[in-house]
Amino acid sequence: MLIKMDFINKIHNIFNKIDYITNDIPSVDIFLNKVGIYISYTNDLYDSAEIISLASYCILKWKRIELIFKRHIDVWKKIIWIKNINNKIRRNDIIFASNGLTKNVNDIYLFNYNNEIFKIFFSRNKIRLNKDSNLELSYSVNTPDIVKIYYKNKKLVSLMLTDDYKLLLTDNNSPFEIDIRNNFENIFYKDYYDSIKNGESFNTSNRIAIIEFTSLNNDSYYGIAKNTFLKEISEYEKELLLLFSIANLKLYQLLEIKMKEEINEIEEELEFSLIEEYLDEEDDD
């Protein structure tokens, strides 16, 4: 396999960016840990999205990366490492969630969750932060416009996307409500939200959290969500809000699947109609 200099430079730049400085055959685990540390300090949604995209590229090309160290280590060693100056502070109130790291959409990772990178538990279209959690997000490809969250097997809330692709809570027995402002999902306690009369403005100081979301590489199949917790809340409430952000990832992914299926159906119908027209013309002849 031919390894070009452009590829070596690109990988070196990515490793440099996340501060993985090595001349030995790299470890995927150490690489992911470095990615997690970088994201835990960046605090920025779009910078984190860029790193996730670069990291997923590396994981996809990992065997080629190993060949750099086996066949071209002399070239690698000649490239100068540039020292990163990081003036940012790790914030424990910000947690990121993404399904774009491994290109397996069922692999959803939390970044800066208890100061580490954390892979959530997935089994048969059900998502939990860990295997023993009482909170569970459930979805089906047959109903791609809605996901549901259960607490101890009892439905707590349903989540769906509005026509303008904003998260909406329905059948809501959770303690929270969402208000969409400036593309932010502002989270309030439902009691406060319900107390606001029509025409009145929400007091932003009463927000519990903010959820932001963006797709990766303009592909809504993969995305990243940023959770900023503005108040001290219980672990149950934090876990529930993290599932809200993961619902963004799954709903956009399911929507993408649905749209691709509809496009395929249209293309098949068009192809069939063209064949029919051709056969009709043959009969006329």
C-alpha atoms as a PDB file:
ATOM      1  CA  MET A   1       0.000   0.000   0.000  1.00  0.00           C
ATOM      2  CA  LEU A   2       1.429   3.350  -1.082  1.00  0.00           C
ATOM      3  CA  ILE A   3       1.584   5.977   1.662  1.00  0.00           C
ATOM      4  CA  LYS A   4       1.793   9.498   0.261  1.00  0.00           C
ATOM      5  CA  MET A   5       3.520  12.404   1.972  1.00  0.00           C
ATOM      6  CA  ASP A   6       0.286  14.412   2.019  1.00  0.00           C
ATOM      7  CA  PHE A   7      -1.344  11.663   4.089  1.00  0.00           C
ATOM      8  CA  ILE A   8       1.597  11.508   6.514  1.00  0.00           C
ATOM      9  CA  ASN A   9       1.479  15.281   7.011  1.00  0.00           C
ATOM     10  CA  LYS A  10      -2.286  15.235   7.529  1.00  0.00           C
ATOM     11  CA  ILE A  11      -2.089  12.541  10.212  1.00  0.00           C
ATOM     12  CA  HIS A  12       0.856  14.274  11.883  1.00  0.00           C
ATOM     13  CA  ASN A  13      -1.135  17.536  12.026  1.00  0.00           C
ATOM     14  CA  ILE A  14      -4.123  15.765  13.605  1.00  0.00           C
ATOM     15  CA  PHE A  15      -1.922  14.035  16.180  1.00  0.00           C
ATOM     16  CA  ASN A  16      -0.229  17.356  16.898  1.00  0.00           C
ATOM     17  CA  LYS A  17      -3.575  19.109  17.353  1.00  0.00           C
ATOM     18  CA  ILE A  18      -4.743  16.654  20.033  1.00  0.00           C
ATOM     19  CA  ASP A  19      -1.242  16.548  21.596  1.00  0.00           C
ATOM     20  CA  TYR A  20      -0.608  12.869  20.814  1.00  0.00           C
ATOM     21  CA  ILE A  21       3.162  13.138  20.344  1.00  0.00           C
ATOM     22  CA  THR A  22       4.650   9.739  19.588  1.00  0.00           C
ATOM     23  CA  ASN A  23       7.181   7.959  17.401  1.00  0.00           C
ATOM     24  CA  ASP A  24       5.865   4.531  18.351  1.00  0.00           C
ATOM     25  CA  ILE A  25       2.998   2.647  16.715  1.00  0.00           C
ATOM     26  CA  PRO A  26      -0.012   4.536  18.114  1.00  0.00           C
ATOM     27  CA  SER A  27      -2.694   3.053  20.343  1.00  0.00           C
ATOM     28  CA  VAL A  28      -6.373   3.600  19.499  1.00  0.00           C
ATOM     29  CA  ASP A  29      -7.194   3.824  23.217  1.00  0.00           C
ATOM     30  CA  ILE A  30      -4.586   6.520  23.850  1.00  0.00           C
ATOM     31  CA  PHE A  31      -5.711   8.333  20.685  1.00  0.00           C
ATOM     32  CA  LEU A  32      -9.352   8.358  21.842  1.00  0.00           C
ATOM     33  CA  ASN A  33      -8.279   9.510  25.298  1.00  0.00           C
ATOM     34  CA  LYS A  34      -6.385  12.429  23.721  1.00  0.00           C
ATOM     35  CA  VAL A  35      -9.460  13.306  21.636  1.00  0.00           C
ATOM     36  CA  GLY A  36     -11.577  13.246  24.799  1.00  0.00           C
ATOM     37  CA  ILE A  37      -9.143  15.495  26.664  1.00  0.00           C
ATOM     38  CA  TYR A  38      -9.059  17.979  23.770  1.00  0.00           C
ATOM     39  CA  ILE A  39     -12.848  18.179  23.612  1.00  0.00           C
ATOM     40  CA  SER A  40     -13.151  18.545  27.385  1.00  0.00           C
ATOM     41  CA  TYR A  41     -11.091  21.723  27.141  1.00  0.00           C
ATOM     42  CA  THR A  42     -12.433  23.260  23.937  1.00  0.00           C
ATOM     43  CA  ASN A  43     -15.952  24.084  25.240  1.00  0.00           C
ATOM     44  CA  ASP A  44     -16.934  24.997  21.643  1.00  0.00           C
ATOM     45  CA  LEU A  45     -19.497  23.015  19.638  1.00  0.00           C
ATOM     46  CA  TYR A  46     -18.006  23.595  16.184  1.00  0.00           C
ATOM     47  CA  ASP A  47     -14.392  23.078  17.249  1.00  0.00           C
ATOM     48  CA  SER A  48     -15.465  19.792  18.859  1.00  0.00           C
ATOM     49  CA  ALA A  49     -17.351  18.816  15.692  1.00  0.00           C
ATOM     50  CA  GLU A  50     -14.172  19.391  13.673  1.00  0.00           C
ATOM     51  CA  ILE A  51     -12.115  17.207  16.030  1.00  0.00           C
ATOM     52  CA  ILE A  52     -14.709  14.415  15.926  1.00  0.00           C
ATOM     53  CA  SER A  53     -14.596  14.483  12.116  1.00  0.00           C
ATOM     54  CA  LEU A  54     -10.776  14.378  12.084  1.00  0.00           C
ATOM     55  CA  ALA A  55     -10.708  11.611  14.696  1.00  0.00           C
ATOM     56  CA  SER A  56     -13.220   9.492  12.778  1.00  0.00           C
ATOM     57  CA  TYR A  57     -11.059   9.910   9.679  1.00  0.00           C
ATOM     58  CA  CYS A  58      -8.057   8.583  11.591  1.00  0.00           C
ATOM     59  CA  ILE A  59      -9.972   5.609  12.977  1.00  0.00           C
ATOM     60  CA  LEU A  60     -11.178   4.780   9.475  1.00  0.00           C
ATOM     61  CA  LYS A  61      -7.562   4.931   8.202  1.00  0.00           C
ATOM     62  CA  TRP A  62      -5.946   3.329  11.266  1.00  0.00           C
ATOM     63  CA  LYS A  63      -4.241   0.446   9.430  1.00  0.00           C
ATOM     64  CA  ARG A  64      -2.677   2.950   7.030  1.00  0.00           C
ATOM     65  CA  ILE A  65      -1.568   5.044  10.003  1.00  0.00           C
ATOM     66  CA  GLU A  66       0.180   2.008  11.488  1.00  0.00           C
ATOM     67  CA  LEU A  67       2.016   1.537   8.178  1.00  0.00           C
ATOM     68  CA  ILE A  68       3.505   5.032   8.562  1.00  0.00           C
ATOM     69  CA  PHE A  69       5.274   3.855  11.717  1.00  0.00           C
ATOM     70  CA  LYS A  70       6.280   0.523  10.215  1.00  0.00           C
ATOM     71  CA  ARG A  71       7.564   1.757   6.826  1.00  0.00           C
ATOM     72  CA  HIS A  72       8.084   5.519   7.004  1.00  0.00           C
ATOM     73  CA  ILE A  73       9.089   6.249  10.595  1.00  0.00           C
ATOM     74  CA  ASP A  74      12.152   8.208   9.409  1.00  0.00           C
ATOM     75  CA  VAL A  75       9.888  10.551   7.448  1.00  0.00           C
ATOM     76  CA  TRP A  76       7.546  10.896  10.423  1.00  0.00           C
ATOM     77  CA  LYS A  77      10.406  11.774  12.796  1.00  0.00           C
ATOM     78  CA  LYS A  78      11.581  14.596  10.524  1.00  0.00           C
ATOM     79  CA  ILE A  79       8.269  16.454  10.822  1.00  0.00           C
ATOM     80  CA  ILE A  80       8.449  19.117  13.521  1.00  0.00           C
ATOM     81  CA  TRP A  81       5.982  19.035  16.395  1.00  0.00           C
ATOM     82  CA  ILE A  82       4.386  22.391  17.149  1.00  0.00           C
ATOM     83  CA  LYS A  83       3.716  23.014  20.826  1.00  0.00           C
ATOM     84  CA  ASN A  84       0.056  23.685  21.551  1.00  0.00           C
ATOM     85  CA  ILE A  85      -0.750  26.605  23.815  1.00  0.00           C
ATOM     86  CA  ASN A  86      -3.976  25.818  25.615  1.00  0.00           C
ATOM     87  CA  ASN A  87      -5.315  28.641  27.745  1.00  0.00           C
ATOM     88  CA  LYS A  88      -8.743  27.076  28.119  1.00  0.00           C
ATOM     89  CA  ILE A  89     -10.056  25.605  31.354  1.00  0.00           C
ATOM     90  CA  ARG A  90     -11.838  22.291  31.603  1.00  0.00           C
ATOM     91  CA  ARG A  91     -15.464  22.938  32.516  1.00  0.00           C
ATOM     92  CA  ASN A  92     -17.314  20.158  34.303  1.00  0.00           C
ATOM     93  CA  ASP A  93     -20.637  21.788  33.414  1.00  0.00           C
ATOM     94  CA  ILE A  94     -20.242  20.998  29.680  1.00  0.00           C
ATOM     95  CA  ILE A  95     -20.707  17.488  28.251  1.00  0.00           C
ATOM     96  CA  PHE A  96     -20.664  16.577  24.551  1.00  0.00           C
ATOM     97  CA  ALA A  97     -22.406  13.599  22.908  1.00  0.00           C
ATOM     98  CA  SER A  98     -21.634  12.303  19.410  1.00  0.00           C
ATOM     99  CA  ASN A  99     -22.323   9.287  17.195  1.00  0.00           C
ATOM    100  CA  GLY A 100     -19.705  10.310  14.599  1.00  0.00           C
ATOM    101  CA  LEU A 101     -16.502   8.958  16.096  1.00  0.00           C
ATOM    102  CA  THR A 102     -16.423   5.410  14.691  1.00  0.00           C
ATOM    103  CA  LYS A 103     -18.910   5.769  11.785  1.00  0.00           C
ATOM    104  CA  ASN A 104     -21.069   3.195  13.584  1.00  0.00           C
ATOM    105  CA  VAL A 105     -24.116   5.275  14.520  1.00  0.00           C
ATOM    106  CA  ASN A 106     -24.853   2.935  17.417  1.00  0.00           C
ATOM    107  CA  ASP A 107     -21.532   3.931  19.004  1.00  0.00           C
ATOM    108  CA  ILE A 108     -22.463   7.048  20.940  1.00  0.00           C
ATOM    109  CA  TYR A 109     -19.796   8.655  23.095  1.00  0.00           C
ATOM    110  CA  LEU A 110     -20.005  11.207  25.859  1.00  0.00           C
ATOM    111  CA  PHE A 111     -17.051  13.557  26.209  1.00  0.00           C
ATOM    112  CA  ASN A 112     -16.102  15.139  29.540  1.00  0.00           C
ATOM    113  CA  TYR A 113     -18.593  12.890  31.366  1.00  0.00           C
ATOM    114  CA  ASN A 114     -17.022  12.529  34.822  1.00  0.00           C
ATOM    115  CA  ASN A 115     -13.846  13.928  33.213  1.00  0.00           C
ATOM    116  CA  GLU A 116     -13.498  11.101  30.689  1.00  0.00           C
ATOM    117  CA  ILE A 117     -14.631   9.786  27.325  1.00  0.00           C
ATOM    118  CA  PHE A 118     -17.511   7.394  27.877  1.00  0.00           C
ATOM    119  CA  LYS A 119     -19.278   4.997  25.517  1.00  0.00           C
ATOM    120  CA  ILE A 120     -22.956   4.602  26.319  1.00  0.00           C
ATOM    121  CA  PHE A 121     -24.799   1.296  26.478  1.00  0.00           C
ATOM    122  CA  PHE A 122     -26.750   0.213  23.381  1.00  0.00           C
ATOM    123  CA  SER A 123     -28.882  -2.898  22.885  1.00  0.00           C
ATOM    124  CA  ARG A 124     -31.681  -3.595  20.395  1.00  0.00           C
ATOM    125  CA  ASN A 125     -32.707  -0.012  19.628  1.00  0.00           C
ATOM    126  CA  LYS A 126     -32.485   0.941  23.299  1.00  0.00           C
ATOM    127  CA  ILE A 127     -29.976   3.398  24.728  1.00  0.00           C
ATOM    128  CA  ARG A 128     -28.882   3.840  28.326  1.00  0.00           C
ATOM    129  CA  LEU A 129     -25.974   5.742  29.783  1.00  0.00           C
ATOM    130  CA  ASN A 130     -24.919   2.505  31.422  1.00  0.00           C
ATOM    131  CA  LYS A 131     -26.217  -1.031  31.550  1.00  0.00           C
ATOM    132  CA  ASP A 132     -27.878  -0.668  34.968  1.00  0.00           C
ATOM    133  CA  SER A 133     -29.544   2.701  34.412  1.00  0.00           C
ATOM    134  CA  ASN A 134     -33.281   3.092  35.066  1.00  0.00           C
ATOM    135  CA  LEU A 135     -33.595   5.637  32.251  1.00  0.00           C
ATOM    136  CA  GLU A 136     -33.787   4.319  28.705  1.00  0.00           C
ATOM    137  CA  LEU A 137     -34.237   5.907  25.278  1.00  0.00           C
ATOM    138  CA  SER A 138     -36.111   3.690  22.814  1.00  0.00           C
ATOM    139  CA  TYR A 139     -36.610   4.153  19.058  1.00  0.00           C
ATOM    140  CA  SER A 140     -37.775   2.301  15.966  1.00  0.00           C
ATOM    141  CA  VAL A 141     -36.960   2.725  12.279  1.00  0.00           C
ATOM    142  CA  ASN A 142     -40.666   2.116  11.632  1.00  0.00           C
ATOM    143  CA  THR A 143     -41.550   5.347  13.479  1.00  0.00           C
ATOM    144  CA  PRO A 144     -38.546   7.530  12.623  1.00  0.00           C
ATOM    145  CA  ASP A 145     -40.195  10.789  13.654  1.00  0.00           C
ATOM    146  CA  ILE A 146     -40.376   9.977  17.362  1.00  0.00           C
ATOM    147  CA  VAL A 147     -38.262   8.499  20.176  1.00  0.00           C
ATOM    148  CA  LYS A 148     -39.367   7.723  23.712  1.00  0.00           C
ATOM    149  CA  ILE A 149     -37.707   7.812  27.119  1.00  0.00           C
ATOM    150  CA  TYR A 150     -38.732   5.350  29.813  1.00  0.00           C
ATOM    151  CA  TYR A 151     -38.071   5.351  33.538  1.00  0.00           C
ATOM    152  CA  LYS A 152     -38.205   1.898  35.113  1.00  0.00           C
ATOM    153  CA  ASN A 153     -40.064   0.640  31.998  1.00  0.00           C
ATOM    154  CA  LYS A 154     -42.746   3.343  32.315  1.00  0.00           C
ATOM    155  CA  LYS A 155     -42.914   5.949  29.528  1.00  0.00           C
ATOM    156  CA  LEU A 156     -41.722   9.307  30.777  1.00  0.00           C
ATOM    157  CA  VAL A 157     -41.737  11.457  27.639  1.00  0.00           C
ATOM    158  CA  SER A 158     -41.793  11.287  23.838  1.00  0.00           C
ATOM    159  CA  LEU A 159     -39.492  13.443  21.721  1.00  0.00           C
ATOM    160  CA  MET A 160     -39.895  14.472  18.091  1.00  0.00           C
ATOM    161  CA  LEU A 161     -38.642  17.046  15.605  1.00  0.00           C
ATOM    162  CA  THR A 162     -40.873  19.926  14.551  1.00  0.00           C
ATOM    163  CA  ASP A 163     -41.258  20.941  10.900  1.00  0.00           C
ATOM    164  CA  ASP A 164     -38.278  23.274  11.332  1.00  0.00           C
ATOM    165  CA  TYR A 165     -36.227  20.483  12.955  1.00  0.00           C
ATOM    166  CA  LYS A 166     -36.463  21.602  16.574  1.00  0.00           C
ATOM    167  CA  LEU A 167     -36.805  19.187  19.474  1.00  0.00           C
ATOM    168  CA  LEU A 168     -40.326  18.933  20.902  1.00  0.00           C
ATOM    169  CA  LEU A 169     -41.504  17.090  24.018  1.00  0.00           C
ATOM    170  CA  THR A 170     -44.904  15.353  23.931  1.00  0.00           C
ATOM    171  CA  ASP A 171     -46.755  13.187  26.485  1.00  0.00           C
ATOM    172  CA  ASN A 172     -44.394  14.901  28.849  1.00  0.00           C
ATOM    173  CA  ASN A 173     -44.216  13.544  32.397  1.00  0.00           C
ATOM    174  CA  SER A 174     -40.618  14.653  32.842  1.00  0.00           C
ATOM    175  CA  PRO A 175     -39.706  17.579  35.119  1.00  0.00           C
ATOM    176  CA  PHE A 176     -38.491  19.637  32.115  1.00  0.00           C
ATOM    177  CA  GLU A 177     -39.757  21.658  29.190  1.00  0.00           C
ATOM    178  CA  ILE A 178     -37.885  23.014  26.152  1.00  0.00           C
ATOM    179  CA  ASP A 179     -38.044  26.524  24.719  1.00  0.00           C
ATOM    180  CA  ILE A 180     -36.266  27.084  21.390  1.00  0.00           C
ATOM    181  CA  ARG A 181     -34.524  30.464  21.093  1.00  0.00           C
ATOM    182  CA  ASN A 182     -31.667  31.398  18.715  1.00  0.00           C
ATOM    183  CA  ASN A 183     -31.244  27.718  17.740  1.00  0.00           C
ATOM    184  CA  PHE A 184     -30.612  26.832  21.389  1.00  0.00           C
ATOM    185  CA  GLU A 185     -32.736  24.277  23.217  1.00  0.00           C
ATOM    186  CA  ASN A 186     -33.275  26.112  26.509  1.00  0.00           C
ATOM    187  CA  ILE A 187     -34.259  23.763  29.315  1.00  0.00           C
ATOM    188  CA  PHE A 188     -36.547  24.969  32.117  1.00  0.00           C
ATOM    189  CA  TYR A 189     -38.284  23.188  34.936  1.00  0.00           C
ATOM    190  CA  LYS A 190     -41.805  22.516  33.717  1.00  0.00           C
ATOM    191  CA  ASP A 191     -43.404  24.184  36.752  1.00  0.00           C
ATOM    192  CA  TYR A 192     -41.692  27.472  35.903  1.00  0.00           C
ATOM    193  CA  TYR A 193     -42.375  27.066  32.164  1.00  0.00           C
ATOM    194  CA  ASP A 194     -46.089  26.496  32.762  1.00  0.00           C
ATOM    195  CA  SER A 195     -46.280  29.552  35.028  1.00  0.00           C
ATOM    196  CA  ILE A 196     -45.334  31.928  32.186  1.00  0.00           C
ATOM    197  CA  LYS A 197     -48.382  33.576  30.629  1.00  0.00           C
ATOM    198  CA  ASN A 198     -48.805  34.157  26.901  1.00  0.00           C
ATOM    199  CA  GLY A 199     -46.737  37.123  25.745  1.00  0.00           C
ATOM    200  CA  GLU A 200     -44.436  37.079  28.762  1.00  0.00           C
ATOM    201  CA  SER A 201     -40.710  36.474  28.338  1.00  0.00           C
ATOM    202  CA  PHE A 202     -38.756  33.747  30.050  1.00  0.00           C
ATOM    203  CA  ASN A 203     -36.145  34.790  32.565  1.00  0.00           C
ATOM    204  CA  THR A 204     -32.963  33.200  31.202  1.00  0.00           C
ATOM    205  CA  SER A 205     -31.534  33.007  34.723  1.00  0.00           C
ATOM    206  CA  ASN A 206     -34.104  30.256  35.363  1.00  0.00           C
ATOM    207  CA  ARG A 207     -32.680  28.017  32.662  1.00  0.00           C
ATOM    208  CA  ILE A 208     -31.483  24.650  33.903  1.00  0.00           C
ATOM    209  CA  ALA A 209     -29.418  23.783  30.846  1.00  0.00           C
ATOM    210  CA  ILE A 210     -28.817  24.567  27.169  1.00  0.00           C
ATOM    211  CA  ILE A 211     -28.541  21.967  24.398  1.00  0.00           C
ATOM    212  CA  GLU A 212     -26.905  22.816  21.062  1.00  0.00           C
ATOM    213  CA  PHE A 213     -26.652  20.469  18.087  1.00  0.00           C
ATOM    214  CA  THR A 214     -24.895  20.383  14.726  1.00  0.00           C
ATOM    215  CA  SER A 215     -24.357  17.785  12.011  1.00  0.00           C
ATOM    216  CA  LEU A 216     -20.896  16.570  11.079  1.00  0.00           C
ATOM    217  CA  ASN A 217     -19.620  17.334   7.574  1.00  0.00           C
ATOM    218  CA  ASN A 218     -23.131  18.421   6.461  1.00  0.00           C
ATOM    219  CA  ASP A 219     -24.317  14.846   6.992  1.00  0.00           C
ATOM    220  CA  SER A 220     -27.203  14.612   9.466  1.00  0.00           C
ATOM    221  CA  TYR A 221     -26.519  10.885   9.798  1.00  0.00           C
ATOM    222  CA  TYR A 222     -23.778  11.898  12.235  1.00  0.00           C
ATOM    223  CA  GLY A 223     -23.869  14.759  14.695  1.00  0.00           C
ATOM    224  CA  ILE A 224     -22.667  16.218  17.958  1.00  0.00           C
ATOM    225  CA  ALA A 225     -24.663  17.753  20.807  1.00  0.00           C
ATOM    226  CA  LYS A 226     -23.343  20.112  23.472  1.00  0.00           C
ATOM    227  CA  ASN A 227     -24.940  20.094  26.902  1.00  0.00           C
ATOM    228  CA  THR A 228     -24.255  23.091  29.135  1.00  0.00           C
ATOM    229  CA  PHE A 229     -25.583  22.633  32.664  1.00  0.00           C
ATOM    230  CA  LEU A 230     -26.342  25.996  34.267  1.00  0.00           C
ATOM    231  CA  LYS A 231     -27.520  24.821  37.689  1.00  0.00           C
ATOM    232  CA  GLU A 232     -26.733  22.062  40.135  1.00  0.00           C
ATOM    233  CA  ILE A 233     -29.146  19.221  39.423  1.00  0.00           C
ATOM    234  CA  SER A 234     -29.491  15.605  40.499  1.00  0.00           C
ATOM    235  CA  GLU A 235     -27.740  12.780  38.646  1.00  0.00           C
ATOM    236  CA  TYR A 236     -31.157  11.537  37.507  1.00  0.00           C
ATOM    237  CA  GLU A 237     -31.950  14.942  35.961  1.00  0.00           C
ATOM    238  CA  LYS A 238     -28.523  15.198  34.334  1.00  0.00           C
ATOM    239  CA  GLU A 239     -28.869  11.717  32.855  1.00  0.00           C
ATOM    240  CA  LEU A 240     -32.328  12.586  31.523  1.00  0.00           C
ATOM    241  CA  LEU A 241     -31.060  15.769  29.838  1.00  0.00           C
ATOM    242  CA  LEU A 242     -28.179  13.847  28.273  1.00  0.00           C
ATOM    243  CA  LEU A 243     -30.764  11.482  26.786  1.00  0.00           C
ATOM    244  CA  PHE A 244     -32.573  14.563  25.417  1.00  0.00           C
ATOM    245  CA  SER A 245     -29.394  15.527  23.561  1.00  0.00           C
ATOM    246  CA  ILE A 246     -28.890  11.958  22.338  1.00  0.00           C
ATOM    247  CA  ALA A 247     -32.481  12.079  21.066  1.00  0.00           C
ATOM    248  CA  ASN A 248     -31.320  14.849  18.720  1.00  0.00           C
ATOM    249  CA  LEU A 249     -28.693  12.502  17.278  1.00  0.00           C
ATOM    250  CA  LYS A 250     -31.103   9.607  16.801  1.00  0.00           C
ATOM    251  CA  LEU A 251     -33.972  11.684  15.351  1.00  0.00           C
ATOM    252  CA  TYR A 252     -31.717  13.319  12.755  1.00  0.00           C
ATOM    253  CA  GLN A 253     -30.216   9.927  11.892  1.00  0.00           C
ATOM    254  CA  LEU A 254     -33.646   8.285  11.547  1.00  0.00           C
ATOM    255  CA  LEU A 255     -34.857  11.227   9.474  1.00  0.00           C
ATOM    256  CA  GLU A 256     -31.859  10.833   7.156  1.00  0.00           C
ATOM    257  CA  ILE A 257     -32.628   7.125   6.730  1.00  0.00           C
ATOM    258  CA  LYS A 258     -36.276   7.912   5.953  1.00  0.00           C
ATOM    259  CA  MET A 259     -35.349  10.580   3.389  1.00  0.00           C
ATOM    260  CA  LYS A 260     -32.872   8.264   1.618  1.00  0.00           C
ATOM    261  CA  GLU A 261     -35.515   5.522   1.470  1.00  0.00           C
ATOM    262  CA  GLU A 262     -38.031   7.969  -0.020  1.00  0.00           C
ATOM    263  CA  ILE A 263     -35.465   9.113  -2.614  1.00  0.00           C
ATOM    264  CA  ASN A 264     -34.767   5.475  -3.536  1.00  0.00           C
ATOM    265  CA  GLU A 265     -38.503   4.825  -3.921  1.00  0.00           C
ATOM    266  CA  ILE A 266     -38.893   7.870  -6.200  1.00  0.00           C
ATOM    267  CA  GLU A 267     -35.908   6.782  -8.299  1.00  0.00           C
ATOM    268  CA  GLU A 268     -37.297   3.241  -8.591  1.00  0.00           C
ATOM    269  CA  GLU A 269     -40.732   4.561  -9.612  1.00  0.00           C
ATOM    270  CA  LEU A 270     -39.129   6.861 -12.171  1.00  0.00           C
ATOM    271  CA  GLU A 271     -37.057   4.010 -13.582  1.00  0.00           C
ATOM    272  CA  PHE A 272     -40.149   1.787 -13.776  1.00  0.00           C
ATOM    273  CA  SER A 273     -42.173   4.517 -15.550  1.00  0.00           C
ATOM    274  CA  LEU A 274     -39.354   5.022 -18.081  1.00  0.00           C
ATOM    275  CA  ILE A 275     -39.307   1.286 -18.785  1.00  0.00           C
ATOM    276  CA  GLU A 276     -43.088   1.313 -19.268  1.00  0.00           C
ATOM    277  CA  GLU A 277     -42.834   4.248 -21.674  1.00  0.00           C
ATOM    278  CA  TYR A 278     -40.141   2.433 -23.622  1.00  0.00           C
ATOM    279  CA  LEU A 279     -42.233  -0.731 -23.856  1.00  0.00           C
ATOM    280  CA  ASP A 280     -45.271   1.291 -24.962  1.00  0.00           C
ATOM    281  CA  GLU A 281     -43.192   2.866 -27.722  1.00  0.00           C
ATOM    282  CA  GLU A 282     -42.028  -0.618 -28.793  1.00  0.00           C
ATOM    283  CA  ASP A 283     -45.643  -1.772 -28.992  1.00  0.00           C
ATOM    284  CA  ASP A 284     -46.569   1.240 -31.110  1.00  0.00           C
ATOM    285  CA  ASP A 285     -43.840   0.335 -33.571  1.00  0.00           C
END
